[in-house]
């Protein structure tokens, strides 16, 4: 039996190109875009252009979380562009006005993080659970950690370690003041 330890919180952002007029979506619309029920931006108030969904690969925990919690277990579009990392998804969306992708709040780029159900993906909204696509990040172990591993876990959960979480773009488990 494995054990897990909470280490940070994350908001999964939906990225759209900065030139795309669509800047907010409902969670239901996001689901319909990524399962190809909606495949044209005009259905969302945008231009009459084919939507290009961009997803993480099957080995990604983000891929699985998004499928379970946003797609409600349904399959992704068969013609979705599969990209292995979030920075590469952001780069793809930056270069393609009709692309839409997703990834952790910890990654930056020249894309718009769409509001979901009118709520901005922010540290505050993730922390108070008003942003609808949040998750905890964990460490998993097969045994109770001891020695160096326990020391590392303790450091990650310390104010110093949680500050590193924040500096990395993720959301500490509690508010960090510098």
N, C-alpha and C. Protein backbone atom coordinates (compact mmCIF):
# COMPACT_ATOMS: atom_id res chain seq x y z
N UNK A 1 0.84 -1.18 0.00
CA UNK A 1 0.00 0.00 0.00
C UNK A 1 0.89 1.24 0.00
N UNK A 2 0.61 2.18 -0.88
CA UNK A 2 1.38 3.41 -0.96
C UNK A 2 0.84 4.49 -0.05
N UNK A 3 1.69 5.41 0.29
CA UNK A 3 1.32 6.56 1.10
C UNK A 3 1.50 7.82 0.28
N UNK A 4 0.67 8.83 0.52
CA UNK A 4 0.86 10.09 -0.20
C UNK A 4 0.87 11.25 0.76
N UNK A 5 1.60 12.30 0.35
CA UNK A 5 1.79 13.49 1.16
C UNK A 5 1.52 14.71 0.31
N UNK A 6 0.62 15.57 0.76
CA UNK A 6 0.34 16.81 0.04
C UNK A 6 1.55 17.72 0.11
N UNK A 7 1.93 18.33 -1.04
CA UNK A 7 3.08 19.22 -1.04
C UNK A 7 2.78 20.58 -1.65
N UNK A 8 1.74 20.68 -2.46
CA UNK A 8 1.41 21.96 -3.11
C UNK A 8 0.02 21.83 -3.72
N UNK A 9 -0.47 22.95 -4.20
CA UNK A 9 -1.74 22.98 -4.92
C UNK A 9 -1.46 23.50 -6.33
N UNK A 10 -2.32 23.15 -7.26
CA UNK A 10 -2.14 23.54 -8.65
C UNK A 10 -3.50 23.92 -9.22
N UNK A 11 -3.48 24.89 -10.12
CA UNK A 11 -4.66 25.23 -10.92
C UNK A 11 -4.32 24.83 -12.35
N UNK A 12 -5.16 24.01 -12.95
CA UNK A 12 -4.95 23.68 -14.36
C UNK A 12 -5.57 24.79 -15.19
N UNK A 13 -4.74 25.42 -15.99
CA UNK A 13 -5.17 26.55 -16.82
C UNK A 13 -5.51 26.05 -18.21
N UNK A 14 -6.47 26.72 -18.83
CA UNK A 14 -6.80 26.48 -20.23
C UNK A 14 -6.19 27.63 -21.01
N UNK A 15 -5.25 27.30 -21.92
CA UNK A 15 -4.50 28.30 -22.65
C UNK A 15 -5.14 28.55 -24.02
N UNK A 16 -5.30 29.83 -24.36
CA UNK A 16 -5.70 30.21 -25.71
C UNK A 16 -4.69 31.24 -26.23
N UNK A 17 -4.59 31.33 -27.54
CA UNK A 17 -3.69 32.28 -28.18
C UNK A 17 -4.11 33.70 -27.82
N UNK A 18 -3.14 34.58 -27.63
CA UNK A 18 -3.44 35.95 -27.21
C UNK A 18 -4.24 36.72 -28.26
N UNK A 19 -4.23 36.29 -29.52
CA UNK A 19 -5.02 36.95 -30.56
C UNK A 19 -6.43 36.36 -30.70
N UNK A 20 -6.71 35.31 -29.97
CA UNK A 20 -8.03 34.70 -30.03
C UNK A 20 -8.99 35.57 -29.21
N UNK A 21 -10.14 35.94 -29.77
CA UNK A 21 -11.08 36.77 -29.01
C UNK A 21 -11.76 36.04 -27.85
N UNK A 22 -11.73 34.72 -27.84
CA UNK A 22 -12.35 33.95 -26.76
C UNK A 22 -11.39 33.93 -25.57
N UNK A 23 -11.81 34.53 -24.47
CA UNK A 23 -10.95 34.64 -23.28
C UNK A 23 -11.58 34.00 -22.05
N UNK A 24 -12.83 33.53 -22.19
CA UNK A 24 -13.50 32.88 -21.07
C UNK A 24 -14.39 31.77 -21.62
N UNK A 25 -14.48 30.70 -20.85
CA UNK A 25 -15.24 29.52 -21.22
C UNK A 25 -15.91 28.95 -19.99
N UNK A 26 -17.00 28.25 -20.18
CA UNK A 26 -17.56 27.49 -19.07
C UNK A 26 -16.82 26.15 -19.01
N UNK A 27 -16.87 25.52 -17.87
CA UNK A 27 -16.24 24.21 -17.74
C UNK A 27 -16.88 23.22 -18.72
N UNK A 28 -18.19 23.34 -18.92
CA UNK A 28 -18.88 22.49 -19.88
C UNK A 28 -18.39 22.73 -21.31
N UNK A 29 -18.14 23.99 -21.66
CA UNK A 29 -17.60 24.29 -22.99
C UNK A 29 -16.20 23.70 -23.16
N UNK A 30 -15.39 23.77 -22.12
CA UNK A 30 -14.05 23.19 -22.18
C UNK A 30 -14.16 21.69 -22.44
N UNK A 31 -15.04 21.04 -21.71
CA UNK A 31 -15.24 19.60 -21.92
C UNK A 31 -15.63 19.33 -23.36
N UNK A 32 -16.58 20.10 -23.89
CA UNK A 32 -17.06 19.88 -25.25
C UNK A 32 -15.99 20.18 -26.30
N UNK A 33 -15.09 21.10 -26.02
CA UNK A 33 -13.99 21.39 -26.95
C UNK A 33 -13.02 20.21 -26.99
N UNK A 34 -12.66 19.70 -25.82
CA UNK A 34 -11.64 18.65 -25.77
C UNK A 34 -12.18 17.26 -26.10
N UNK A 35 -13.51 17.09 -26.17
CA UNK A 35 -14.04 15.82 -26.67
C UNK A 35 -14.63 15.98 -28.08
N UNK A 36 -14.39 17.15 -28.69
CA UNK A 36 -14.75 17.47 -30.08
C UNK A 36 -16.24 17.63 -30.33
N UNK A 37 -17.01 17.81 -29.28
CA UNK A 37 -18.42 18.13 -29.48
C UNK A 37 -18.55 19.55 -30.03
N UNK A 38 -17.68 20.45 -29.59
CA UNK A 38 -17.56 21.79 -30.17
C UNK A 38 -16.23 21.83 -30.90
N UNK A 39 -16.25 22.12 -32.20
CA UNK A 39 -15.01 22.11 -32.97
C UNK A 39 -14.76 23.37 -33.79
N UNK A 40 -15.58 24.41 -33.56
CA UNK A 40 -15.39 25.68 -34.27
C UNK A 40 -15.49 26.82 -33.26
N UNK A 41 -14.53 27.75 -33.36
CA UNK A 41 -14.49 28.87 -32.41
C UNK A 41 -15.75 29.72 -32.47
N UNK A 42 -16.46 29.74 -33.61
CA UNK A 42 -17.67 30.56 -33.71
C UNK A 42 -18.74 30.11 -32.73
N UNK A 43 -18.75 28.86 -32.33
CA UNK A 43 -19.72 28.36 -31.35
C UNK A 43 -19.44 28.93 -29.96
N UNK A 44 -18.27 29.53 -29.79
CA UNK A 44 -17.86 30.09 -28.49
C UNK A 44 -17.71 31.61 -28.54
N UNK A 45 -18.18 32.21 -29.61
CA UNK A 45 -18.07 33.67 -29.76
C UNK A 45 -16.82 34.12 -30.48
N UNK A 46 -16.09 33.19 -31.06
CA UNK A 46 -14.88 33.53 -31.80
C UNK A 46 -15.10 33.54 -33.30
N UNK A 47 -13.99 33.50 -34.02
CA UNK A 47 -14.04 33.49 -35.48
C UNK A 47 -14.48 32.12 -35.98
N UNK A 48 -14.97 32.09 -37.22
CA UNK A 48 -15.35 30.82 -37.83
C UNK A 48 -14.07 30.10 -38.27
N UNK A 49 -13.44 29.42 -37.31
CA UNK A 49 -12.19 28.69 -37.52
C UNK A 49 -12.25 27.38 -36.74
N UNK A 50 -11.63 26.36 -37.29
CA UNK A 50 -11.58 25.06 -36.62
C UNK A 50 -10.72 25.16 -35.35
N UNK A 51 -11.23 24.63 -34.26
CA UNK A 51 -10.49 24.58 -33.00
C UNK A 51 -9.45 23.47 -33.07
N UNK A 52 -8.25 23.76 -32.59
CA UNK A 52 -7.17 22.76 -32.54
C UNK A 52 -6.91 22.44 -31.06
N UNK A 53 -7.50 21.36 -30.54
CA UNK A 53 -7.21 20.98 -29.15
C UNK A 53 -5.80 20.39 -29.05
N UNK A 54 -5.08 20.81 -28.02
CA UNK A 54 -3.72 20.36 -27.78
C UNK A 54 -3.69 19.75 -26.38
N UNK A 55 -3.25 18.49 -26.31
CA UNK A 55 -3.31 17.76 -25.05
C UNK A 55 -1.94 17.18 -24.69
N UNK A 56 -1.80 16.81 -23.43
CA UNK A 56 -0.61 16.12 -22.95
C UNK A 56 -0.68 14.66 -23.37
N UNK A 57 0.46 13.96 -23.31
CA UNK A 57 0.49 12.55 -23.68
C UNK A 57 -0.08 11.67 -22.57
N UNK A 58 -0.32 10.41 -22.90
CA UNK A 58 -0.96 9.47 -21.98
C UNK A 58 -0.17 9.25 -20.69
N UNK A 59 1.14 9.47 -20.70
CA UNK A 59 1.96 9.24 -19.51
C UNK A 59 1.87 10.38 -18.51
N UNK A 60 1.17 11.43 -18.84
CA UNK A 60 1.10 12.62 -18.01
C UNK A 60 -0.01 12.51 -16.97
N UNK A 61 0.33 12.82 -15.73
CA UNK A 61 -0.69 12.89 -14.69
C UNK A 61 -1.70 13.99 -14.98
N UNK A 62 -1.25 15.06 -15.62
CA UNK A 62 -2.15 16.16 -15.99
C UNK A 62 -3.16 15.67 -17.02
N UNK A 63 -2.72 14.85 -17.98
CA UNK A 63 -3.61 14.26 -18.99
C UNK A 63 -4.73 13.48 -18.30
N UNK A 64 -4.34 12.62 -17.36
CA UNK A 64 -5.32 11.78 -16.66
C UNK A 64 -6.25 12.63 -15.79
N UNK A 65 -5.70 13.58 -15.05
CA UNK A 65 -6.54 14.43 -14.19
C UNK A 65 -7.57 15.18 -15.03
N UNK A 66 -7.13 15.78 -16.13
CA UNK A 66 -8.02 16.54 -17.00
C UNK A 66 -9.10 15.62 -17.57
N UNK A 67 -8.72 14.42 -17.98
CA UNK A 67 -9.70 13.48 -18.53
C UNK A 67 -10.74 13.10 -17.48
N UNK A 68 -10.29 12.82 -16.26
CA UNK A 68 -11.21 12.41 -15.19
C UNK A 68 -12.10 13.55 -14.71
N UNK A 69 -11.53 14.75 -14.53
CA UNK A 69 -12.25 15.82 -13.86
C UNK A 69 -12.90 16.83 -14.80
N UNK A 70 -12.39 16.98 -16.00
CA UNK A 70 -12.98 17.92 -16.96
C UNK A 70 -13.81 17.16 -17.99
N UNK A 71 -13.24 16.12 -18.56
CA UNK A 71 -13.96 15.33 -19.57
C UNK A 71 -14.89 14.31 -18.94
N UNK A 72 -14.88 14.21 -17.62
CA UNK A 72 -15.74 13.29 -16.87
C UNK A 72 -15.58 11.86 -17.37
N UNK A 73 -14.32 11.48 -17.70
CA UNK A 73 -14.00 10.13 -18.12
C UNK A 73 -14.14 9.87 -19.61
N UNK A 74 -14.72 10.81 -20.35
CA UNK A 74 -14.86 10.64 -21.80
C UNK A 74 -13.50 10.74 -22.47
N UNK A 75 -13.41 10.25 -23.70
CA UNK A 75 -12.16 10.30 -24.44
C UNK A 75 -11.91 11.69 -25.02
N UNK A 76 -10.63 12.01 -25.15
CA UNK A 76 -10.23 13.22 -25.86
C UNK A 76 -10.57 13.08 -27.34
N UNK A 77 -10.59 14.20 -28.04
CA UNK A 77 -10.75 14.20 -29.50
C UNK A 77 -9.73 13.28 -30.14
N UNK A 78 -10.18 12.53 -31.13
CA UNK A 78 -9.26 11.64 -31.84
C UNK A 78 -8.20 12.43 -32.60
N UNK A 79 -8.55 13.66 -33.03
CA UNK A 79 -7.60 14.44 -33.82
C UNK A 79 -6.87 15.51 -32.99
N UNK A 80 -6.91 15.39 -31.66
CA UNK A 80 -6.19 16.34 -30.81
C UNK A 80 -4.69 16.20 -31.06
N UNK A 81 -3.99 17.32 -31.01
CA UNK A 81 -2.54 17.33 -31.13
C UNK A 81 -1.96 16.92 -29.76
N UNK A 82 -1.13 15.89 -29.75
CA UNK A 82 -0.55 15.38 -28.50
C UNK A 82 0.88 15.91 -28.39
N UNK A 83 1.15 16.58 -27.27
CA UNK A 83 2.46 17.19 -27.03
C UNK A 83 2.93 16.76 -25.64
N UNK A 84 4.21 16.38 -25.50
CA UNK A 84 4.66 15.77 -24.25
C UNK A 84 4.80 16.69 -23.03
N UNK A 85 5.04 17.98 -23.22
CA UNK A 85 5.27 18.84 -22.05
C UNK A 85 4.42 20.09 -22.10
N UNK A 86 4.16 20.65 -20.93
CA UNK A 86 3.38 21.88 -20.86
C UNK A 86 4.09 23.05 -21.55
N UNK A 87 5.40 23.25 -21.37
CA UNK A 87 6.05 24.34 -22.11
C UNK A 87 5.87 24.22 -23.63
N UNK A 88 5.89 22.99 -24.14
CA UNK A 88 5.69 22.80 -25.58
C UNK A 88 4.24 23.07 -25.99
N UNK A 89 3.28 22.76 -25.10
CA UNK A 89 1.88 23.10 -25.38
C UNK A 89 1.74 24.62 -25.45
N UNK A 90 2.32 25.32 -24.50
CA UNK A 90 2.25 26.79 -24.50
C UNK A 90 2.86 27.33 -25.79
N UNK A 91 4.02 26.81 -26.18
CA UNK A 91 4.67 27.27 -27.41
C UNK A 91 3.77 27.02 -28.63
N UNK A 92 3.11 25.88 -28.69
CA UNK A 92 2.22 25.55 -29.80
C UNK A 92 1.04 26.54 -29.84
N UNK A 93 0.45 26.81 -28.68
CA UNK A 93 -0.69 27.73 -28.61
C UNK A 93 -0.25 29.15 -28.96
N UNK A 94 0.96 29.54 -28.55
CA UNK A 94 1.48 30.86 -28.90
C UNK A 94 1.54 31.04 -30.42
N UNK A 95 1.88 29.99 -31.14
CA UNK A 95 2.09 30.07 -32.59
C UNK A 95 0.84 29.78 -33.41
N UNK A 96 -0.24 29.30 -32.77
CA UNK A 96 -1.43 28.88 -33.49
C UNK A 96 -2.68 29.53 -32.88
N UNK A 97 -3.21 30.52 -33.58
CA UNK A 97 -4.35 31.28 -33.07
C UNK A 97 -5.56 30.41 -32.76
N UNK A 98 -5.71 29.29 -33.43
CA UNK A 98 -6.89 28.44 -33.23
C UNK A 98 -6.66 27.29 -32.25
N UNK A 99 -5.48 27.24 -31.64
CA UNK A 99 -5.16 26.17 -30.70
C UNK A 99 -5.69 26.50 -29.31
N UNK A 100 -5.95 25.44 -28.56
CA UNK A 100 -6.34 25.55 -27.16
C UNK A 100 -5.68 24.38 -26.43
N UNK A 101 -5.05 24.67 -25.32
CA UNK A 101 -4.36 23.63 -24.56
C UNK A 101 -4.59 23.82 -23.07
N UNK A 102 -3.93 23.00 -22.29
CA UNK A 102 -4.06 23.11 -20.84
C UNK A 102 -2.75 22.75 -20.17
N UNK A 103 -2.61 23.19 -18.94
CA UNK A 103 -1.42 22.87 -18.16
C UNK A 103 -1.43 23.58 -16.82
N UNK A 104 -0.43 23.32 -16.04
CA UNK A 104 -0.32 23.85 -14.68
C UNK A 104 -0.11 25.35 -14.65
N UNK A 105 -0.58 25.96 -13.59
CA UNK A 105 -0.42 27.40 -13.38
C UNK A 105 1.06 27.77 -13.27
N UNK A 106 1.91 26.82 -12.94
CA UNK A 106 3.33 27.10 -12.75
C UNK A 106 4.08 27.45 -14.02
N UNK A 107 3.46 27.28 -15.17
CA UNK A 107 4.13 27.56 -16.44
C UNK A 107 3.67 28.87 -17.03
N UNK A 108 4.62 29.64 -17.54
CA UNK A 108 4.35 30.96 -18.10
C UNK A 108 4.52 30.93 -19.61
N UNK A 109 3.97 31.91 -20.27
CA UNK A 109 4.14 32.05 -21.71
C UNK A 109 3.28 33.19 -22.21
N UNK A 110 3.37 33.45 -23.49
CA UNK A 110 2.59 34.52 -24.10
C UNK A 110 1.26 33.96 -24.59
N UNK A 111 0.47 33.45 -23.65
CA UNK A 111 -0.85 32.92 -23.92
C UNK A 111 -1.82 33.52 -22.90
N UNK A 112 -3.10 33.41 -23.19
CA UNK A 112 -4.12 33.84 -22.25
C UNK A 112 -4.57 32.62 -21.46
N UNK A 113 -4.62 32.77 -20.17
CA UNK A 113 -5.20 31.74 -19.31
C UNK A 113 -6.68 32.09 -19.20
N UNK A 114 -7.50 31.33 -19.91
CA UNK A 114 -8.92 31.64 -19.99
C UNK A 114 -9.58 31.56 -18.62
N UNK A 115 -10.53 32.46 -18.39
CA UNK A 115 -11.37 32.34 -17.20
C UNK A 115 -12.30 31.16 -17.42
N UNK A 116 -12.52 30.38 -16.37
CA UNK A 116 -13.41 29.24 -16.43
C UNK A 116 -14.60 29.52 -15.51
N UNK A 117 -15.79 29.47 -16.07
CA UNK A 117 -17.00 29.83 -15.33
C UNK A 117 -16.87 31.22 -14.72
N UNK A 118 -16.19 32.11 -15.45
CA UNK A 118 -16.02 33.49 -15.02
C UNK A 118 -14.95 33.70 -13.97
N UNK A 119 -14.21 32.66 -13.63
CA UNK A 119 -13.22 32.73 -12.55
C UNK A 119 -11.81 32.61 -13.11
N UNK A 120 -10.97 33.57 -12.75
CA UNK A 120 -9.58 33.60 -13.20
C UNK A 120 -8.76 32.52 -12.50
N UNK A 121 -7.88 31.82 -13.25
CA UNK A 121 -6.99 30.87 -12.59
C UNK A 121 -5.88 31.63 -11.86
N UNK A 122 -6.01 31.74 -10.57
CA UNK A 122 -5.04 32.48 -9.77
C UNK A 122 -4.74 31.70 -8.49
N UNK A 123 -3.67 32.10 -7.83
CA UNK A 123 -3.31 31.45 -6.56
C UNK A 123 -4.46 31.56 -5.57
N UNK A 124 -5.01 32.75 -5.42
CA UNK A 124 -6.09 32.96 -4.46
C UNK A 124 -7.31 32.10 -4.79
N UNK A 125 -7.70 32.07 -6.07
CA UNK A 125 -8.90 31.32 -6.45
C UNK A 125 -8.68 29.81 -6.37
N UNK A 126 -7.45 29.37 -6.56
CA UNK A 126 -7.15 27.95 -6.38
C UNK A 126 -7.14 27.60 -4.89
N UNK A 127 -6.52 28.47 -4.11
CA UNK A 127 -6.42 28.22 -2.67
C UNK A 127 -7.81 28.14 -2.01
N UNK A 128 -8.73 29.02 -2.44
CA UNK A 128 -10.06 29.02 -1.82
C UNK A 128 -11.06 28.14 -2.57
N UNK A 129 -10.57 27.39 -3.55
CA UNK A 129 -11.37 26.41 -4.31
C UNK A 129 -12.52 27.03 -5.10
N UNK A 130 -12.41 28.30 -5.49
CA UNK A 130 -13.44 28.86 -6.36
C UNK A 130 -13.12 28.57 -7.83
N UNK A 131 -11.82 28.47 -8.18
CA UNK A 131 -11.46 28.09 -9.54
C UNK A 131 -11.77 26.60 -9.70
N UNK A 132 -12.49 26.23 -10.76
CA UNK A 132 -13.03 24.87 -10.83
C UNK A 132 -12.06 23.75 -11.21
N UNK A 133 -10.84 24.07 -11.65
CA UNK A 133 -9.92 22.99 -12.04
C UNK A 133 -8.66 23.08 -11.18
N UNK A 134 -8.79 22.68 -9.93
CA UNK A 134 -7.64 22.68 -9.02
C UNK A 134 -7.37 21.25 -8.56
N UNK A 135 -6.14 21.05 -8.15
CA UNK A 135 -5.74 19.74 -7.64
C UNK A 135 -4.58 19.93 -6.67
N UNK A 136 -4.39 18.93 -5.84
CA UNK A 136 -3.22 18.92 -4.98
C UNK A 136 -2.10 18.15 -5.68
N UNK A 137 -0.87 18.56 -5.43
CA UNK A 137 0.30 17.84 -5.89
C UNK A 137 0.83 17.04 -4.70
N UNK A 138 1.29 15.83 -4.97
CA UNK A 138 1.66 14.90 -3.91
C UNK A 138 3.05 14.32 -4.12
N UNK A 139 3.59 13.82 -3.03
CA UNK A 139 4.68 12.87 -3.07
C UNK A 139 4.06 11.52 -2.72
N UNK A 140 4.48 10.47 -3.40
CA UNK A 140 4.02 9.12 -3.11
C UNK A 140 5.20 8.28 -2.65
N UNK A 141 4.96 7.43 -1.66
CA UNK A 141 6.00 6.50 -1.20
C UNK A 141 5.36 5.12 -1.02
N UNK A 142 6.19 4.11 -1.03
CA UNK A 142 5.69 2.76 -0.76
C UNK A 142 5.75 2.45 0.73
N UNK A 143 6.60 3.17 1.46
CA UNK A 143 6.75 2.97 2.91
C UNK A 143 6.76 4.32 3.61
N UNK A 144 6.60 4.29 4.93
CA UNK A 144 6.72 5.52 5.71
C UNK A 144 8.14 6.04 5.52
N UNK A 145 8.29 7.30 5.08
CA UNK A 145 9.63 7.81 4.82
C UNK A 145 10.44 7.97 6.11
N UNK A 146 11.71 7.72 5.97
CA UNK A 146 12.64 7.90 7.08
C UNK A 146 13.93 8.50 6.56
N UNK A 147 14.82 8.85 7.46
CA UNK A 147 16.15 9.33 7.09
C UNK A 147 16.11 10.53 6.17
N UNK A 148 16.90 10.47 5.11
CA UNK A 148 17.05 11.58 4.17
C UNK A 148 15.73 11.92 3.48
N UNK A 149 14.95 10.89 3.17
CA UNK A 149 13.66 11.15 2.50
C UNK A 149 12.73 11.92 3.43
N UNK A 150 12.66 11.52 4.70
CA UNK A 150 11.82 12.24 5.66
C UNK A 150 12.33 13.67 5.83
N UNK A 151 13.64 13.84 5.90
CA UNK A 151 14.22 15.18 6.01
C UNK A 151 13.81 16.04 4.82
N UNK A 152 13.84 15.45 3.62
CA UNK A 152 13.45 16.19 2.42
C UNK A 152 11.97 16.56 2.48
N UNK A 153 11.11 15.62 2.83
CA UNK A 153 9.67 15.90 2.94
C UNK A 153 9.43 17.02 3.96
N UNK A 154 10.10 16.93 5.10
CA UNK A 154 9.96 17.96 6.13
C UNK A 154 10.39 19.33 5.60
N UNK A 155 11.48 19.36 4.83
CA UNK A 155 11.95 20.63 4.26
C UNK A 155 10.92 21.18 3.26
N UNK A 156 10.38 20.31 2.39
CA UNK A 156 9.39 20.77 1.40
C UNK A 156 8.19 21.40 2.10
N UNK A 157 7.81 20.85 3.23
CA UNK A 157 6.64 21.37 3.95
C UNK A 157 6.99 22.54 4.87
N UNK A 158 8.27 22.85 5.02
CA UNK A 158 8.68 23.98 5.85
C UNK A 158 8.40 25.29 5.11
N UNK A 159 8.40 26.42 5.83
CA UNK A 159 8.23 27.70 5.14
C UNK A 159 9.23 27.90 4.00
N UNK A 160 10.48 27.48 4.20
CA UNK A 160 11.49 27.62 3.15
C UNK A 160 11.12 26.79 1.91
N UNK A 161 10.72 25.55 2.13
CA UNK A 161 10.34 24.68 1.02
C UNK A 161 9.08 25.17 0.32
N UNK A 162 8.10 25.61 1.09
CA UNK A 162 6.87 26.13 0.50
C UNK A 162 7.13 27.43 -0.28
N UNK A 163 8.14 28.18 0.14
CA UNK A 163 8.53 29.37 -0.62
C UNK A 163 9.10 28.97 -1.98
N UNK A 164 9.86 27.87 -2.02
CA UNK A 164 10.37 27.36 -3.30
C UNK A 164 9.20 26.92 -4.18
N UNK A 165 8.20 26.29 -3.60
CA UNK A 165 6.99 25.91 -4.35
C UNK A 165 6.40 27.16 -5.01
N UNK A 166 6.27 28.22 -4.22
CA UNK A 166 5.70 29.47 -4.74
C UNK A 166 6.58 30.08 -5.83
N UNK A 167 7.89 30.12 -5.60
CA UNK A 167 8.81 30.69 -6.60
C UNK A 167 8.80 29.88 -7.89
N UNK A 168 8.43 28.61 -7.81
CA UNK A 168 8.35 27.75 -8.99
C UNK A 168 7.04 27.94 -9.75
N UNK A 169 6.16 28.79 -9.22
CA UNK A 169 4.91 29.09 -9.91
C UNK A 169 3.72 28.27 -9.44
N UNK A 170 3.93 27.41 -8.47
CA UNK A 170 2.83 26.60 -7.95
C UNK A 170 2.31 27.23 -6.66
N UNK A 171 1.32 26.63 -6.06
CA UNK A 171 0.62 27.24 -4.94
C UNK A 171 0.99 26.51 -3.66
N UNK A 172 1.63 27.23 -2.72
CA UNK A 172 1.97 26.60 -1.45
C UNK A 172 0.71 26.14 -0.71
N UNK A 173 0.89 25.21 0.21
CA UNK A 173 -0.25 24.71 0.98
C UNK A 173 -0.83 25.76 1.91
N UNK A 174 -0.03 26.75 2.28
CA UNK A 174 -0.50 27.86 3.09
C UNK A 174 0.13 29.13 2.56
N UNK A 175 -0.42 30.24 2.96
CA UNK A 175 0.07 31.52 2.44
C UNK A 175 1.48 31.79 2.92
N UNK A 176 2.34 32.18 1.99
CA UNK A 176 3.74 32.47 2.29
C UNK A 176 3.92 33.99 2.24
N UNK A 177 4.50 34.52 3.30
CA UNK A 177 4.82 35.95 3.31
C UNK A 177 6.32 36.09 3.35
N UNK A 178 6.84 36.97 2.53
CA UNK A 178 8.31 37.15 2.46
C UNK A 178 8.75 38.32 3.29
